[in-house]
C-alpha atoms as a PDB file:
ATOM      1  CA  MET A   1      17.388  -9.218  20.215  1.00  0.00           C
ATOM      2  CA  LYS A   2      16.170  -6.235  18.713  1.00  0.00           C
ATOM      3  CA  LEU A   3      12.902  -4.790  17.597  1.00  0.00           C
ATOM      4  CA  PHE A   4      12.662  -2.227  14.700  1.00  0.00           C
ATOM      5  CA  ILE A   5       9.920   0.036  14.198  1.00  0.00           C
ATOM      6  CA  VAL A   6       9.636   0.169  10.536  1.00  0.00           C
ATOM      7  CA  PRO A   7       7.494   3.057   8.422  1.00  0.00           C
ATOM      8  CA  THR A   8       6.232   2.109   5.265  1.00  0.00           C
ATOM      9  CA  PRO A   9       4.735   4.375   2.073  1.00  0.00           C
ATOM     10  CA  ILE A  10       0.986   5.816   3.439  1.00  0.00           C
ATOM     11  CA  GLY A  11       0.745   5.425  -0.863  1.00  0.00           C
ATOM     12  CA  ASN A  12       3.914   5.967  -2.983  1.00  0.00           C
ATOM     13  CA  LEU A  13       6.003   3.096  -3.159  1.00  0.00           C
ATOM     14  CA  GLU A  14       9.183   5.115  -3.311  1.00  0.00           C
ATOM     15  CA  ASP A  15       8.436   7.115  -0.356  1.00  0.00           C
ATOM     16  CA  ILE A  16      10.082   4.016   1.877  1.00  0.00           C
ATOM     17  CA  THR A  17      13.835   4.728   3.054  1.00  0.00           C
ATOM     18  CA  ILE A  18      17.182   3.152   1.648  1.00  0.00           C
ATOM     19  CA  ARG A  19      17.569   1.993   5.458  1.00  0.00           C
ATOM     20  CA  ALA A  20      14.010   0.799   6.026  1.00  0.00           C
ATOM     21  CA  LEU A  21      14.344  -1.723   3.060  1.00  0.00           C
ATOM     22  CA  LYS A  22      17.753  -2.654   4.223  1.00  0.00           C
ATOM     23  CA  VAL A  23      16.170  -3.825   7.706  1.00  0.00           C
ATOM     24  CA  LEU A  24      13.359  -5.592   5.989  1.00  0.00           C
ATOM     25  CA  GLN A  25      15.518  -7.509   4.302  1.00  0.00           C
ATOM     26  CA  GLU A  26      18.371  -8.382   7.274  1.00  0.00           C
ATOM     27  CA  VAL A  27      15.597  -9.061  10.299  1.00  0.00           C
ATOM     28  CA  ASP A  28      14.365 -12.866  10.790  1.00  0.00           C
ATOM     29  CA  PHE A  29      10.929 -11.965  10.083  1.00  0.00           C
ATOM     30  CA  ILE A  30       8.451  -9.150  10.036  1.00  0.00           C
ATOM     31  CA  LEU A  31       5.559  -8.376  11.953  1.00  0.00           C
ATOM     32  CA  CYS A  32       2.978  -7.323  10.208  1.00  0.00           C
ATOM     33  CA  GLU A  33      -0.846  -4.812  10.526  1.00  0.00           C
ATOM     34  CA  ASP A  34      -2.165  -6.987   7.187  1.00  0.00           C
ATOM     35  CA  THR A  35       0.516  -9.235   5.926  1.00  0.00           C
ATOM     36  CA  ARG A  36      -0.986  -9.195   1.862  1.00  0.00           C
ATOM     37  CA  THR A  37      -0.007  -5.578   2.246  1.00  0.00           C
ATOM     38  CA  THR A  38       3.215  -5.763   3.475  1.00  0.00           C
ATOM     39  CA  LYS A  39       3.940  -8.639   1.149  1.00  0.00           C
ATOM     40  CA  ASN A  40       2.502  -6.612  -1.788  1.00  0.00           C
ATOM     41  CA  LEU A  41       5.462  -4.030  -0.224  1.00  0.00           C
ATOM     42  CA  LEU A  42       7.990  -6.996  -0.027  1.00  0.00           C
ATOM     43  CA  LYS A  43       7.449  -8.192  -3.458  1.00  0.00           C
ATOM     44  CA  HIS A  44       7.419  -4.796  -5.446  1.00  0.00           C
ATOM     45  CA  TYR A  45      11.042  -4.669  -3.646  1.00  0.00           C
ATOM     46  CA  ASN A  46      12.193  -8.118  -4.257  1.00  0.00           C
ATOM     47  CA  ILE A  47      12.453  -8.755  -0.661  1.00  0.00           C
ATOM     48  CA  ASP A  48      11.589 -12.462   0.074  1.00  0.00           C
ATOM     49  CA  LYS A  49      11.175 -12.506   4.766  1.00  0.00           C
ATOM     50  CA  LYS A  50       8.519 -14.243   6.692  1.00  0.00           C
ATOM     51  CA  CYS A  51       5.607 -12.235   7.990  1.00  0.00           C
ATOM     52  CA  TYR A  52       3.414 -12.194  11.142  1.00  0.00           C
ATOM     53  CA  PRO A  53       0.383 -10.881  11.949  1.00  0.00           C
ATOM     54  CA  TYR A  54       0.416  -8.332  14.486  1.00  0.00           C
ATOM     55  CA  HIS A  55      -2.983  -6.200  14.722  1.00  0.00           C
ATOM     56  CA  ILE A  56      -5.434  -4.004  17.146  1.00  0.00           C
ATOM     57  CA  HIS A  57      -7.437  -7.318  16.708  1.00  0.00           C
ATOM     58  CA  ASN A  58      -4.774  -9.808  18.115  1.00  0.00           C
ATOM     59  CA  GLU A  59      -1.968  -7.612  19.988  1.00  0.00           C
ATOM     60  CA  HIS A  60      -3.544  -8.208  23.304  1.00  0.00           C
ATOM     61  CA  GLN A  61      -3.957 -11.655  23.136  1.00  0.00           C
ATOM     62  CA  GLN A  62      -0.956 -12.624  21.510  1.00  0.00           C
ATOM     63  CA  ILE A  63       1.388 -10.195  22.934  1.00  0.00           C
ATOM     64  CA  LYS A  64       3.050 -12.736  24.782  1.00  0.00           C
ATOM     65  CA  ASN A  65       3.700 -15.052  22.663  1.00  0.00           C
ATOM     66  CA  ILE A  66       5.200 -12.255  20.314  1.00  0.00           C
ATOM     67  CA  ILE A  67       7.325 -11.390  22.619  1.00  0.00           C
ATOM     68  CA  GLN A  68       8.462 -14.878  22.909  1.00  0.00           C
ATOM     69  CA  MET A  69       9.466 -15.023  19.202  1.00  0.00           C
ATOM     70  CA  ILE A  70      11.525 -11.646  19.498  1.00  0.00           C
ATOM     71  CA  SER A  71      13.338 -12.797  22.351  1.00  0.00           C
ATOM     72  CA  ASN A  72      14.232 -15.833  20.519  1.00  0.00           C
ATOM     73  CA  SER A  73      15.523 -13.883  17.357  1.00  0.00           C
ATOM     74  CA  THR A  74      18.429 -11.925  16.271  1.00  0.00           C
ATOM     75  CA  SER A  75      15.851  -8.419  15.140  1.00  0.00           C
ATOM     76  CA  VAL A  76      12.363  -7.948  14.262  1.00  0.00           C
ATOM     77  CA  ALA A  77      10.619  -5.859  11.891  1.00  0.00           C
ATOM     78  CA  LEU A  78       6.988  -4.031  12.699  1.00  0.00           C
ATOM     79  CA  THR A  79       5.249  -2.599  10.236  1.00  0.00           C
ATOM     80  CA  SER A  80       1.747  -1.384   9.681  1.00  0.00           C
ATOM     81  CA  ASP A  81      -0.557  -1.260   6.869  1.00  0.00           C
ATOM     82  CA  ALA A  82       1.195   2.694   5.771  1.00  0.00           C
ATOM     83  CA  GLY A  83       2.734   5.079   7.437  1.00  0.00           C
ATOM     84  CA  THR A  84       4.683   4.891  11.433  1.00  0.00           C
ATOM     85  CA  PRO A  85       3.263   1.641  13.605  1.00  0.00           C
ATOM     86  CA  GLY A  86       2.062   3.637  16.485  1.00  0.00           C
ATOM     87  CA  ILE A  87       0.543   6.270  15.035  1.00  0.00           C
ATOM     88  CA  SER A  88      -3.388   5.641  15.350  1.00  0.00           C
ATOM     89  CA  ASP A  89      -1.870   2.096  13.947  1.00  0.00           C
ATOM     90  CA  PRO A  90      -0.866  -1.144  16.318  1.00  0.00           C
ATOM     91  CA  GLY A  91       2.871  -0.341  17.808  1.00  0.00           C
ATOM     92  CA  PHE A  92       2.276   1.313  21.016  1.00  0.00           C
ATOM     93  CA  LEU A  93       1.386  -2.174  22.980  1.00  0.00           C
ATOM     94  CA  LEU A  94       4.397  -3.915  21.182  1.00  0.00           C
ATOM     95  CA  VAL A  95       7.173  -1.217  21.976  1.00  0.00           C
ATOM     96  CA  ARG A  96       5.891  -0.957  25.888  1.00  0.00           C
ATOM     97  CA  GLU A  97       6.009  -4.510  26.329  1.00  0.00           C
ATOM     98  CA  SER A  98       9.675  -4.880  24.630  1.00  0.00           C
ATOM     99  CA  ILE A  99      10.653  -2.193  26.838  1.00  0.00           C
ATOM    100  CA  ALA A 100       9.586  -3.798  29.728  1.00  0.00           C
ATOM    101  CA  PHE A 101      10.836  -7.099  29.076  1.00  0.00           C
ATOM    102  CA  GLY A 102      14.494  -5.609  28.106  1.00  0.00           C
ATOM    103  CA  ILE A 103      14.449  -5.630  24.252  1.00  0.00           C
ATOM    104  CA  ASP A 104      16.082  -3.517  22.267  1.00  0.00           C
ATOM    105  CA  VAL A 105      13.662  -0.991  19.927  1.00  0.00           C
ATOM    106  CA  GLU A 106      14.625   1.270  17.556  1.00  0.00           C
ATOM    107  CA  CYS A 107      12.543   3.502  15.670  1.00  0.00           C
ATOM    108  CA  LEU A 108      13.598   4.306  11.884  1.00  0.00           C
ATOM    109  CA  PRO A 109      12.424   7.517  10.527  1.00  0.00           C
ATOM    110  CA  GLY A 110       9.806   8.008   7.553  1.00  0.00           C
ATOM    111  CA  ALA A 111       6.550   8.075   6.416  1.00  0.00           C
ATOM    112  CA  THR A 112       3.725   9.570   8.438  1.00  0.00           C
ATOM    113  CA  ALA A 113       0.215  11.569   6.870  1.00  0.00           C
ATOM    114  CA  LEU A 114       0.231  14.335   9.538  1.00  0.00           C
ATOM    115  CA  ILE A 115       3.283  15.811   9.030  1.00  0.00           C
ATOM    116  CA  PRO A 116       2.681  16.273   4.934  1.00  0.00           C
ATOM    117  CA  ALA A 117      -1.372  17.576   5.991  1.00  0.00           C
ATOM    118  CA  LEU A 118       0.253  19.932   8.444  1.00  0.00           C
ATOM    119  CA  ILE A 119       3.038  21.846   6.021  1.00  0.00           C
ATOM    120  CA  ASN A 120       0.603  21.273   3.048  1.00  0.00           C
ATOM    121  CA  SER A 121      -2.393  23.429   4.970  1.00  0.00           C
ATOM    122  CA  GLY A 122      -0.090  26.472   5.434  1.00  0.00           C
ATOM    123  CA  PHE A 123      -1.351  27.260   8.792  1.00  0.00           C
ATOM    124  CA  PRO A 124       1.397  27.483  11.918  1.00  0.00           C
ATOM    125  CA  SER A 125       3.805  24.513  12.690  1.00  0.00           C
ATOM    126  CA  ASP A 126       5.303  25.712  15.180  1.00  0.00           C
ATOM    127  CA  SER A 127       3.244  24.195  17.939  1.00  0.00           C
ATOM    128  CA  PHE A 128       0.733  21.695  16.654  1.00  0.00           C
ATOM    129  CA  TYR A 129      -1.986  19.317  18.610  1.00  0.00           C
ATOM    130  CA  PHE A 130      -2.544  15.686  16.821  1.00  0.00           C
ATOM    131  CA  HIS A 131      -5.698  14.115  18.187  1.00  0.00           C
ATOM    132  CA  GLY A 132      -5.738  10.741  16.049  1.00  0.00           C
ATOM    133  CA  PHE A 133      -9.171   9.581  14.949  1.00  0.00           C
ATOM    134  CA  LEU A 134     -12.004  10.678  16.807  1.00  0.00           C
ATOM    135  CA  PRO A 135     -14.506   9.068  18.753  1.00  0.00           C
ATOM    136  CA  HIS A 136     -17.091   6.908  16.301  1.00  0.00           C
ATOM    137  CA  LYS A 137     -19.924   7.892  18.773  1.00  0.00           C
ATOM    138  CA  LYS A 138     -19.664   8.312  22.105  1.00  0.00           C
ATOM    139  CA  GLY A 139     -17.562  11.360  22.721  1.00  0.00           C
ATOM    140  CA  LYS A 140     -17.334  12.636  19.654  1.00  0.00           C
ATOM    141  CA  GLU A 141     -18.770  16.140  20.601  1.00  0.00           C
ATOM    142  CA  THR A 142     -16.764  16.462  23.583  1.00  0.00           C
ATOM    143  CA  ALA A 143     -13.504  15.865  21.749  1.00  0.00           C
ATOM    144  CA  LEU A 144     -14.543  18.368  19.529  1.00  0.00           C
ATOM    145  CA  LYS A 145     -15.381  21.259  21.651  1.00  0.00           C
ATOM    146  CA  MET A 146     -12.218  20.274  23.426  1.00  0.00           C
ATOM    147  CA  LEU A 147      -9.938  20.572  20.557  1.00  0.00           C
ATOM    148  CA  ALA A 148     -12.265  24.273  19.595  1.00  0.00           C
ATOM    149  CA  GLN A 149     -10.326  25.337  22.771  1.00  0.00           C
ATOM    150  CA  ARG A 150      -6.727  24.671  21.848  1.00  0.00           C
ATOM    151  CA  GLU A 151      -4.706  27.677  20.932  1.00  0.00           C
ATOM    152  CA  GLU A 152      -2.542  25.580  18.136  1.00  0.00           C
ATOM    153  CA  THR A 153      -3.179  23.890  14.849  1.00  0.00           C
ATOM    154  CA  VAL A 154      -5.315  20.777  15.586  1.00  0.00           C
ATOM    155  CA  ILE A 155      -4.856  17.835  13.303  1.00  0.00           C
ATOM    156  CA  PHE A 156      -6.839  14.686  13.899  1.00  0.00           C
ATOM    157  CA  TYR A 157      -7.928  11.896  11.115  1.00  0.00           C
ATOM    158  CA  GLU A 158     -10.740  10.740   9.706  1.00  0.00           C
ATOM    159  CA  SER A 159     -12.670   8.255   7.843  1.00  0.00           C
ATOM    160  CA  PRO A 160     -14.308   9.187   4.530  1.00  0.00           C
ATOM    161  CA  HIS A 161     -18.164   8.262   5.198  1.00  0.00           C
ATOM    162  CA  ARG A 162     -18.201   9.968   8.405  1.00  0.00           C
ATOM    163  CA  LEU A 163     -16.220  13.221   7.109  1.00  0.00           C
ATOM    164  CA  LEU A 164     -19.349  15.667   5.847  1.00  0.00           C
ATOM    165  CA  LYS A 165     -20.866  15.346   9.313  1.00  0.00           C
ATOM    166  CA  THR A 166     -18.174  15.555  11.267  1.00  0.00           C
ATOM    167  CA  LEU A 167     -17.136  18.584   9.758  1.00  0.00           C
ATOM    168  CA  GLN A 168     -21.148  19.950  10.289  1.00  0.00           C
ATOM    169  CA  MET A 169     -20.327  18.693  14.189  1.00  0.00           C
ATOM    170  CA  MET A 170     -17.544  21.028  13.996  1.00  0.00           C
ATOM    171  CA  ILE A 171     -19.816  24.550  13.186  1.00  0.00           C
ATOM    172  CA  PRO A 172     -21.209  24.974  16.751  1.00  0.00           C
ATOM    173  CA  HIS A 173     -17.416  25.001  18.306  1.00  0.00           C
ATOM    174  CA  PHE A 174     -15.448  25.791  15.695  1.00  0.00           C
ATOM    175  CA  GLY A 175     -17.450  28.310  13.778  1.00  0.00           C
ATOM    176  CA  SER A 176     -18.543  28.648  10.358  1.00  0.00           C
ATOM    177  CA  ASP A 177     -15.470  30.639   9.021  1.00  0.00           C
ATOM    178  CA  ARG A 178     -12.615  29.182  10.923  1.00  0.00           C
ATOM    179  CA  LYS A 179      -9.894  27.858   8.389  1.00  0.00           C
ATOM    180  CA  ILE A 180      -9.260  24.617   7.654  1.00  0.00           C
ATOM    181  CA  ALA A 181      -7.439  21.879   5.403  1.00  0.00           C
ATOM    182  CA  ILE A 182      -7.844  18.818   4.293  1.00  0.00           C
ATOM    183  CA  SER A 183      -5.850  16.297   2.714  1.00  0.00           C
ATOM    184  CA  ARG A 184      -6.440  13.058   0.905  1.00  0.00           C
ATOM    185  CA  GLU A 185      -5.132  10.208  -0.361  1.00  0.00           C
ATOM    186  CA  LEU A 186      -1.640  12.002   0.097  1.00  0.00           C
ATOM    187  CA  THR A 187       0.728  10.579  -2.248  1.00  0.00           C
ATOM    188  CA  LYS A 188      -1.274   8.768  -3.792  1.00  0.00           C
ATOM    189  CA  LEU A 189      -2.344   9.276  -7.778  1.00  0.00           C
ATOM    190  CA  PHE A 190      -5.955  11.498  -6.420  1.00  0.00           C
ATOM    191  CA  GLU A 191      -4.313  13.371  -4.279  1.00  0.00           C
ATOM    192  CA  GLU A 192      -6.674  16.540  -3.346  1.00  0.00           C
ATOM    193  CA  ASN A 193      -5.393  19.099  -0.679  1.00  0.00           C
ATOM    194  CA  PHE A 194      -8.728  21.440   0.378  1.00  0.00           C
ATOM    195  CA  LYS A 195      -8.151  24.642   1.848  1.00  0.00           C
ATOM    196  CA  GLY A 196     -10.827  27.226   2.786  1.00  0.00           C
ATOM    197  CA  THR A 197     -13.102  27.752   5.376  1.00  0.00           C
ATOM    198  CA  LEU A 198     -15.697  25.059   7.348  1.00  0.00           C
ATOM    199  CA  GLU A 199     -18.404  26.098   5.607  1.00  0.00           C
ATOM    200  CA  GLU A 200     -16.675  26.039   2.021  1.00  0.00           C
ATOM    201  CA  ALA A 201     -15.279  23.028   2.952  1.00  0.00           C
ATOM    202  CA  ILE A 202     -18.894  21.097   4.106  1.00  0.00           C
ATOM    203  CA  THR A 203     -20.357  22.635   0.374  1.00  0.00           C
ATOM    204  CA  HIS A 204     -17.355  20.898  -1.631  1.00  0.00           C
ATOM    205  CA  PHE A 205     -17.261  17.436   0.128  1.00  0.00           C
ATOM    206  CA  SER A 206     -20.968  17.352  -0.229  1.00  0.00           C
ATOM    207  CA  THR A 207     -21.214  17.741  -3.947  1.00  0.00           C
ATOM    208  CA  LYS A 208     -18.504  14.813  -4.404  1.00  0.00           C
ATOM    209  CA  GLU A 209     -17.908  10.722  -2.971  1.00  0.00           C
ATOM    210  CA  VAL A 210     -15.526  11.232  -0.628  1.00  0.00           C
ATOM    211  CA  LYS A 211     -12.983   8.400  -0.517  1.00  0.00           C
ATOM    212  CA  GLY A 212      -9.570   7.818   0.416  1.00  0.00           C
ATOM    213  CA  GLU A 213      -7.495   8.504   3.974  1.00  0.00           C
ATOM    214  CA  ILE A 214      -8.614  12.322   5.604  1.00  0.00           C
ATOM    215  CA  VAL A 215      -6.163  14.920   7.351  1.00  0.00           C
ATOM    216  CA  VAL A 216      -8.095  17.469   8.873  1.00  0.00           C
ATOM    217  CA  VAL A 217      -5.757  20.210  10.081  1.00  0.00           C
ATOM    218  CA  VAL A 218      -7.510  23.463  11.463  1.00  0.00           C
ATOM    219  CA  ASN A 219      -5.758  26.443  11.472  1.00  0.00           C
ATOM    220  CA  SER A 220      -5.079  28.253  15.448  1.00  0.00           C
ATOM    221  CA  LEU A 221      -6.737  30.755  17.173  1.00  0.00           C
END
């Protein structure tokens, strides 16, 4: 019995690896964050495979049943809607429980948004701190204050409708002239990679409707 963690494209469907496609073809079934999203990917590559939902809303309630399903199988794959499961997506709990139950776990290399955003920024990449998503309300100010004190490049995810407010909240902690890079809709048709100061970023994103997945990269001190 084996659990494969399979990264899927963050936008462009051609960014999946040959090995990932082979695994998806050969496993007994696939656990998906959203079965509709994964089935669209499978359809694109002519793969017919049974899919079961595994997401943040059911992972704690279903974990025992899912472990049992994996235990009764030869191999199973876990995918998220985009990128690598476990990186700001469901996956950590299943990996931890699988290891505890003696299930072999193997994570394939593949797509994740934070690395392209980091390299695109031109900021130091030898050492960086990835925070995932900031708290929505409670604890957000504290998190930003902590991030501002870090000496390495800082990376975090943000939703489009919270981006502008987050940038404004960063000013007292990071300073208006702090260099920042914001990647939006990576690998997709309308990909955007903004580079400038925090103040320039606020001006830029104040003049447009912000859509898509956002990665914020802040230059090191």
